Amino acid sequence: MPHVPGLPAVVQQEISRIEIRTAANWAASGLWPGAVAEALSGWSSTSRDPARRHFHPCACCGRSSRGLLDEVLGLLSAPAARALERLIEPLDEDFRDRTLPDPLAPEDVPWWARRV
């Protein structure tokens, strides 16, 4: 099963349990084995090249890589979420540095979807 480089084994185990537990409904709101690793890789690519943001991790469920990561952060224990956030934060910063706020974007969408 794919793992997330840079995370302690205990955090990776927690992520794997969530991916497996929610895999039955992955297309609607769940995950699949390796989803977090794919989303982190996708968000890393997007943060370097924001024009590609709509293609990560895949188009099958319609969720963006950053959106998927946000979902996972809400499912993890506080210590595990902090560990994953430490990997996400530099990517968020890169994305913000390479994009601009979209003044026409609706306020009810996530911050990463309100940038051009």
N, C-alpha and C. Protein backbone atom coordinates (compact mmCIF):
# COMPACT_ATOMS: atom_id res chain seq x y z
N MET A 1 0.85 -1.17 0.00
CA MET A 1 0.00 0.00 0.00
C MET A 1 0.90 1.25 0.00
N PRO A 2 0.59 2.24 -0.85
CA PRO A 2 1.41 3.46 -0.89
C PRO A 2 1.44 4.16 0.45
N HIS A 3 2.57 4.79 0.71
CA HIS A 3 2.69 5.51 1.96
C HIS A 3 3.01 6.98 1.68
N VAL A 4 2.91 7.79 2.69
CA VAL A 4 3.18 9.22 2.58
C VAL A 4 4.58 9.47 3.12
N PRO A 5 5.53 9.77 2.26
CA PRO A 5 6.89 10.03 2.72
C PRO A 5 6.91 11.20 3.70
N GLY A 6 7.70 11.04 4.75
CA GLY A 6 7.85 12.11 5.73
C GLY A 6 6.92 12.02 6.92
N LEU A 7 6.04 11.04 6.93
CA LEU A 7 5.14 10.87 8.07
C LEU A 7 5.62 9.73 8.96
N PRO A 8 5.48 9.89 10.28
CA PRO A 8 5.81 8.78 11.18
C PRO A 8 4.92 7.56 10.88
N ALA A 9 5.43 6.39 11.18
CA ALA A 9 4.70 5.15 10.89
C ALA A 9 3.33 5.13 11.56
N VAL A 10 3.22 5.64 12.78
CA VAL A 10 1.93 5.61 13.47
C VAL A 10 0.89 6.48 12.75
N VAL A 11 1.33 7.57 12.17
CA VAL A 11 0.41 8.43 11.40
C VAL A 11 0.04 7.74 10.10
N GLN A 12 1.01 7.13 9.46
CA GLN A 12 0.73 6.41 8.22
C GLN A 12 -0.28 5.29 8.48
N GLN A 13 -0.14 4.60 9.60
CA GLN A 13 -1.08 3.53 9.94
C GLN A 13 -2.49 4.09 10.13
N GLU A 14 -2.59 5.23 10.78
CA GLU A 14 -3.91 5.84 10.97
C GLU A 14 -4.53 6.22 9.62
N ILE A 15 -3.73 6.79 8.75
CA ILE A 15 -4.22 7.14 7.41
C ILE A 15 -4.67 5.89 6.67
N SER A 16 -3.89 4.84 6.72
CA SER A 16 -4.24 3.60 6.04
C SER A 16 -5.55 3.03 6.57
N ARG A 17 -5.75 3.08 7.88
CA ARG A 17 -7.01 2.58 8.45
C ARG A 17 -8.19 3.39 7.92
N ILE A 18 -8.05 4.70 7.82
CA ILE A 18 -9.13 5.55 7.31
C ILE A 18 -9.39 5.24 5.83
N GLU A 19 -8.32 5.11 5.06
CA GLU A 19 -8.48 4.80 3.64
C GLU A 19 -9.22 3.48 3.45
N ILE A 20 -8.84 2.48 4.20
CA ILE A 20 -9.48 1.17 4.07
C ILE A 20 -10.92 1.21 4.56
N ARG A 21 -11.15 1.89 5.69
CA ARG A 21 -12.50 1.96 6.27
C ARG A 21 -13.48 2.67 5.34
N THR A 22 -13.02 3.68 4.60
CA THR A 22 -13.93 4.48 3.77
C THR A 22 -13.91 4.06 2.30
N ALA A 23 -13.12 3.06 1.95
CA ALA A 23 -12.94 2.68 0.54
C ALA A 23 -14.22 2.21 -0.12
N ALA A 24 -15.15 1.65 0.63
CA ALA A 24 -16.38 1.14 0.03
C ALA A 24 -17.19 2.25 -0.63
N ASN A 25 -17.03 3.48 -0.18
CA ASN A 25 -17.81 4.60 -0.72
C ASN A 25 -16.87 5.68 -1.27
N TRP A 26 -15.76 5.28 -1.88
CA TRP A 26 -14.74 6.24 -2.28
C TRP A 26 -15.23 7.25 -3.30
N ALA A 27 -16.12 6.86 -4.20
CA ALA A 27 -16.55 7.77 -5.26
C ALA A 27 -17.39 8.92 -4.73
N ALA A 28 -18.10 8.69 -3.65
CA ALA A 28 -18.96 9.74 -3.11
C ALA A 28 -18.24 10.58 -2.06
N SER A 29 -17.67 9.92 -1.08
CA SER A 29 -17.07 10.70 0.00
C SER A 29 -15.93 9.98 0.70
N GLY A 30 -15.64 8.78 0.29
CA GLY A 30 -14.60 8.01 0.96
C GLY A 30 -13.25 8.17 0.29
N LEU A 31 -12.35 7.33 0.69
CA LEU A 31 -11.01 7.32 0.15
C LEU A 31 -10.74 5.94 -0.43
N TRP A 32 -9.57 5.73 -0.86
CA TRP A 32 -9.14 4.43 -1.37
C TRP A 32 -7.71 4.23 -0.89
N PRO A 33 -7.24 3.00 -0.86
CA PRO A 33 -5.86 2.78 -0.43
C PRO A 33 -4.89 3.58 -1.30
N GLY A 34 -4.10 4.41 -0.65
CA GLY A 34 -3.15 5.26 -1.35
C GLY A 34 -3.67 6.64 -1.70
N ALA A 35 -4.92 6.94 -1.35
CA ALA A 35 -5.53 8.22 -1.72
C ALA A 35 -4.75 9.41 -1.15
N VAL A 36 -4.31 9.33 0.08
CA VAL A 36 -3.62 10.47 0.70
C VAL A 36 -2.27 10.69 0.03
N ALA A 37 -1.55 9.62 -0.25
CA ALA A 37 -0.27 9.76 -0.95
C ALA A 37 -0.47 10.36 -2.33
N GLU A 38 -1.51 9.91 -3.04
CA GLU A 38 -1.81 10.46 -4.37
C GLU A 38 -2.20 11.93 -4.27
N ALA A 39 -3.03 12.27 -3.29
CA ALA A 39 -3.47 13.66 -3.13
C ALA A 39 -2.31 14.57 -2.76
N LEU A 40 -1.43 14.10 -1.90
CA LEU A 40 -0.27 14.91 -1.52
C LEU A 40 0.65 15.12 -2.73
N SER A 41 0.85 14.09 -3.50
CA SER A 41 1.65 14.21 -4.72
C SER A 41 0.98 15.17 -5.70
N GLY A 42 -0.32 15.04 -5.84
CA GLY A 42 -1.07 15.94 -6.73
C GLY A 42 -1.01 17.38 -6.28
N TRP A 43 -1.15 17.60 -4.97
CA TRP A 43 -1.10 18.97 -4.46
C TRP A 43 0.31 19.54 -4.60
N SER A 44 1.31 18.71 -4.47
CA SER A 44 2.69 19.13 -4.68
C SER A 44 2.88 19.60 -6.13
N SER A 45 2.36 18.83 -7.08
CA SER A 45 2.45 19.22 -8.49
C SER A 45 1.67 20.50 -8.75
N THR A 46 0.49 20.58 -8.17
CA THR A 46 -0.34 21.77 -8.35
C THR A 46 0.32 23.00 -7.76
N SER A 47 0.95 22.85 -6.62
CA SER A 47 1.58 24.01 -5.98
C SER A 47 2.74 24.55 -6.82
N ARG A 48 3.38 23.66 -7.58
CA ARG A 48 4.46 24.09 -8.48
C ARG A 48 3.92 24.61 -9.81
N ASP A 49 2.76 24.10 -10.24
CA ASP A 49 2.17 24.48 -11.52
C ASP A 49 0.65 24.58 -11.35
N PRO A 50 0.16 25.72 -10.83
CA PRO A 50 -1.27 25.85 -10.52
C PRO A 50 -2.21 25.62 -11.70
N ALA A 51 -1.75 25.75 -12.92
CA ALA A 51 -2.63 25.51 -14.07
C ALA A 51 -3.09 24.05 -14.13
N ARG A 52 -2.39 23.16 -13.47
CA ARG A 52 -2.73 21.73 -13.50
C ARG A 52 -3.62 21.30 -12.34
N ARG A 53 -4.09 22.23 -11.53
CA ARG A 53 -4.80 21.86 -10.30
C ARG A 53 -6.03 20.99 -10.49
N HIS A 54 -6.67 21.07 -11.61
CA HIS A 54 -7.91 20.32 -11.80
C HIS A 54 -7.70 18.85 -12.16
N PHE A 55 -6.47 18.45 -12.36
CA PHE A 55 -6.21 17.10 -12.82
C PHE A 55 -5.64 16.19 -11.74
N HIS A 56 -5.64 16.60 -10.48
CA HIS A 56 -5.03 15.80 -9.42
C HIS A 56 -6.04 15.52 -8.33
N PRO A 57 -6.07 14.35 -7.69
CA PRO A 57 -5.31 13.19 -8.08
C PRO A 57 -5.90 12.52 -9.31
N CYS A 58 -7.20 12.68 -9.52
CA CYS A 58 -7.82 12.16 -10.73
C CYS A 58 -9.15 12.88 -10.89
N ALA A 59 -9.80 12.65 -11.99
CA ALA A 59 -11.08 13.34 -12.22
C ALA A 59 -12.28 12.46 -11.90
N CYS A 60 -12.05 11.25 -11.41
CA CYS A 60 -13.15 10.30 -11.25
C CYS A 60 -14.15 10.69 -10.16
N CYS A 61 -13.70 11.31 -9.08
CA CYS A 61 -14.63 11.66 -8.01
C CYS A 61 -14.92 13.16 -7.96
N GLY A 62 -14.23 13.94 -8.77
CA GLY A 62 -14.48 15.37 -8.83
C GLY A 62 -13.88 16.18 -7.70
N ARG A 63 -13.15 15.53 -6.81
CA ARG A 63 -12.53 16.25 -5.69
C ARG A 63 -11.11 16.62 -6.05
N SER A 64 -10.70 17.82 -5.66
CA SER A 64 -9.32 18.24 -5.91
C SER A 64 -8.40 17.57 -4.90
N SER A 65 -7.12 17.55 -5.24
CA SER A 65 -6.15 16.96 -4.32
C SER A 65 -6.16 17.71 -2.99
N ARG A 66 -6.22 19.04 -3.02
CA ARG A 66 -6.21 19.81 -1.76
C ARG A 66 -7.49 19.57 -0.99
N GLY A 67 -8.60 19.44 -1.70
CA GLY A 67 -9.86 19.13 -1.03
C GLY A 67 -9.84 17.79 -0.35
N LEU A 68 -9.26 16.80 -1.01
CA LEU A 68 -9.13 15.48 -0.42
C LEU A 68 -8.27 15.53 0.84
N LEU A 69 -7.16 16.28 0.77
CA LEU A 69 -6.31 16.42 1.95
C LEU A 69 -7.06 17.09 3.09
N ASP A 70 -7.87 18.08 2.77
CA ASP A 70 -8.66 18.76 3.80
C ASP A 70 -9.64 17.78 4.45
N GLU A 71 -10.25 16.94 3.65
CA GLU A 71 -11.17 15.93 4.19
C GLU A 71 -10.44 15.00 5.16
N VAL A 72 -9.26 14.57 4.77
CA VAL A 72 -8.49 13.65 5.61
C VAL A 72 -8.09 14.32 6.91
N LEU A 73 -7.69 15.59 6.84
CA LEU A 73 -7.31 16.31 8.07
C LEU A 73 -8.45 16.27 9.08
N GLY A 74 -9.68 16.33 8.60
CA GLY A 74 -10.84 16.29 9.48
C GLY A 74 -11.12 14.92 10.07
N LEU A 75 -10.55 13.89 9.49
CA LEU A 75 -10.78 12.52 9.97
C LEU A 75 -9.68 12.01 10.90
N LEU A 76 -8.53 12.67 10.86
CA LEU A 76 -7.38 12.22 11.65
C LEU A 76 -7.45 12.70 13.09
N SER A 77 -6.76 12.00 13.96
CA SER A 77 -6.58 12.49 15.33
C SER A 77 -5.78 13.79 15.26
N ALA A 78 -5.83 14.58 16.31
CA ALA A 78 -5.13 15.87 16.32
C ALA A 78 -3.63 15.72 16.08
N PRO A 79 -2.93 14.79 16.73
CA PRO A 79 -1.49 14.66 16.46
C PRO A 79 -1.19 14.24 15.02
N ALA A 80 -1.99 13.32 14.49
CA ALA A 80 -1.77 12.88 13.11
C ALA A 80 -2.07 14.01 12.13
N ALA A 81 -3.12 14.77 12.39
CA ALA A 81 -3.46 15.90 11.52
C ALA A 81 -2.33 16.92 11.52
N ARG A 82 -1.75 17.19 12.68
CA ARG A 82 -0.63 18.15 12.74
C ARG A 82 0.56 17.65 11.92
N ALA A 83 0.83 16.37 11.98
CA ALA A 83 1.95 15.81 11.21
C ALA A 83 1.69 15.97 9.70
N LEU A 84 0.48 15.69 9.26
CA LEU A 84 0.15 15.84 7.85
C LEU A 84 0.15 17.33 7.46
N GLU A 85 -0.36 18.18 8.33
CA GLU A 85 -0.36 19.62 8.05
C GLU A 85 1.06 20.15 7.83
N ARG A 86 2.02 19.60 8.55
CA ARG A 86 3.41 20.04 8.36
C ARG A 86 3.91 19.75 6.94
N LEU A 87 3.37 18.74 6.31
CA LEU A 87 3.72 18.45 4.92
C LEU A 87 2.92 19.31 3.94
N ILE A 88 1.70 19.65 4.30
CA ILE A 88 0.81 20.40 3.42
C ILE A 88 1.13 21.90 3.43
N GLU A 89 1.48 22.44 4.58
CA GLU A 89 1.66 23.89 4.71
C GLU A 89 2.66 24.49 3.73
N PRO A 90 3.84 23.89 3.52
CA PRO A 90 4.75 24.49 2.54
C PRO A 90 4.18 24.47 1.11
N LEU A 91 3.39 23.45 0.81
CA LEU A 91 2.76 23.37 -0.50
C LEU A 91 1.70 24.45 -0.65
N ASP A 92 0.93 24.67 0.42
CA ASP A 92 -0.06 25.76 0.42
C ASP A 92 0.62 27.10 0.18
N GLU A 93 1.73 27.30 0.86
CA GLU A 93 2.47 28.55 0.72
C GLU A 93 2.97 28.73 -0.72
N ASP A 94 3.49 27.66 -1.31
CA ASP A 94 3.92 27.73 -2.71
C ASP A 94 2.75 28.08 -3.62
N PHE A 95 1.60 27.46 -3.39
CA PHE A 95 0.42 27.72 -4.21
C PHE A 95 -0.01 29.18 -4.08
N ARG A 96 -0.03 29.68 -2.85
CA ARG A 96 -0.40 31.09 -2.64
C ARG A 96 0.59 32.03 -3.34
N ASP A 97 1.88 31.68 -3.31
CA ASP A 97 2.90 32.51 -3.95
C ASP A 97 2.75 32.54 -5.47
N ARG A 98 2.18 31.49 -6.04
CA ARG A 98 2.08 31.39 -7.50
C ARG A 98 0.70 31.75 -8.04
N THR A 99 -0.21 32.11 -7.17
CA THR A 99 -1.57 32.45 -7.59
C THR A 99 -1.98 33.78 -6.96
N LEU A 100 -3.13 34.27 -7.42
CA LEU A 100 -3.69 35.52 -6.89
C LEU A 100 -5.11 35.26 -6.43
N PRO A 101 -5.59 36.04 -5.46
CA PRO A 101 -7.00 35.90 -5.06
C PRO A 101 -7.92 36.23 -6.23
N ASP A 102 -8.98 35.47 -6.37
CA ASP A 102 -9.99 35.72 -7.40
C ASP A 102 -11.12 36.52 -6.75
N PRO A 103 -11.22 37.81 -7.05
CA PRO A 103 -12.24 38.63 -6.40
C PRO A 103 -13.67 38.24 -6.78
N LEU A 104 -13.83 37.45 -7.84
CA LEU A 104 -15.17 37.04 -8.28
C LEU A 104 -15.58 35.67 -7.76
N ALA A 105 -14.68 35.00 -7.09
CA ALA A 105 -14.98 33.65 -6.59
C ALA A 105 -15.96 33.73 -5.42
N PRO A 106 -16.89 32.80 -5.36
CA PRO A 106 -17.83 32.77 -4.23
C PRO A 106 -17.11 32.54 -2.90
N GLU A 107 -17.59 33.15 -1.87
CA GLU A 107 -16.97 33.03 -0.55
C GLU A 107 -17.15 31.64 0.06
N ASP A 108 -18.11 30.88 -0.42
CA ASP A 108 -18.40 29.59 0.20
C ASP A 108 -17.56 28.44 -0.35
N VAL A 109 -16.62 28.72 -1.23
CA VAL A 109 -15.72 27.67 -1.72
C VAL A 109 -14.41 27.75 -0.94
N PRO A 110 -13.67 26.65 -0.87
CA PRO A 110 -12.41 26.65 -0.11
C PRO A 110 -11.43 27.68 -0.66
N TRP A 111 -10.49 28.09 0.18
CA TRP A 111 -9.55 29.14 -0.20
C TRP A 111 -8.78 28.81 -1.47
N TRP A 112 -8.40 27.54 -1.66
CA TRP A 112 -7.60 27.18 -2.82
C TRP A 112 -8.40 27.26 -4.13
N ALA A 113 -9.72 27.21 -4.02
CA ALA A 113 -10.56 27.35 -5.21
C ALA A 113 -10.88 28.82 -5.49
N ARG A 114 -10.49 29.70 -4.60
CA ARG A 114 -10.71 31.14 -4.79
C ARG A 114 -9.45 31.85 -5.26
N ARG A 115 -8.57 31.11 -5.92
CA ARG A 115 -7.32 31.70 -6.41
C ARG A 115 -7.17 31.39 -7.90
N VAL A 116 -6.57 32.31 -8.60
CA VAL A 116 -6.34 32.14 -10.05
C VAL A 116 -4.86 32.27 -10.35
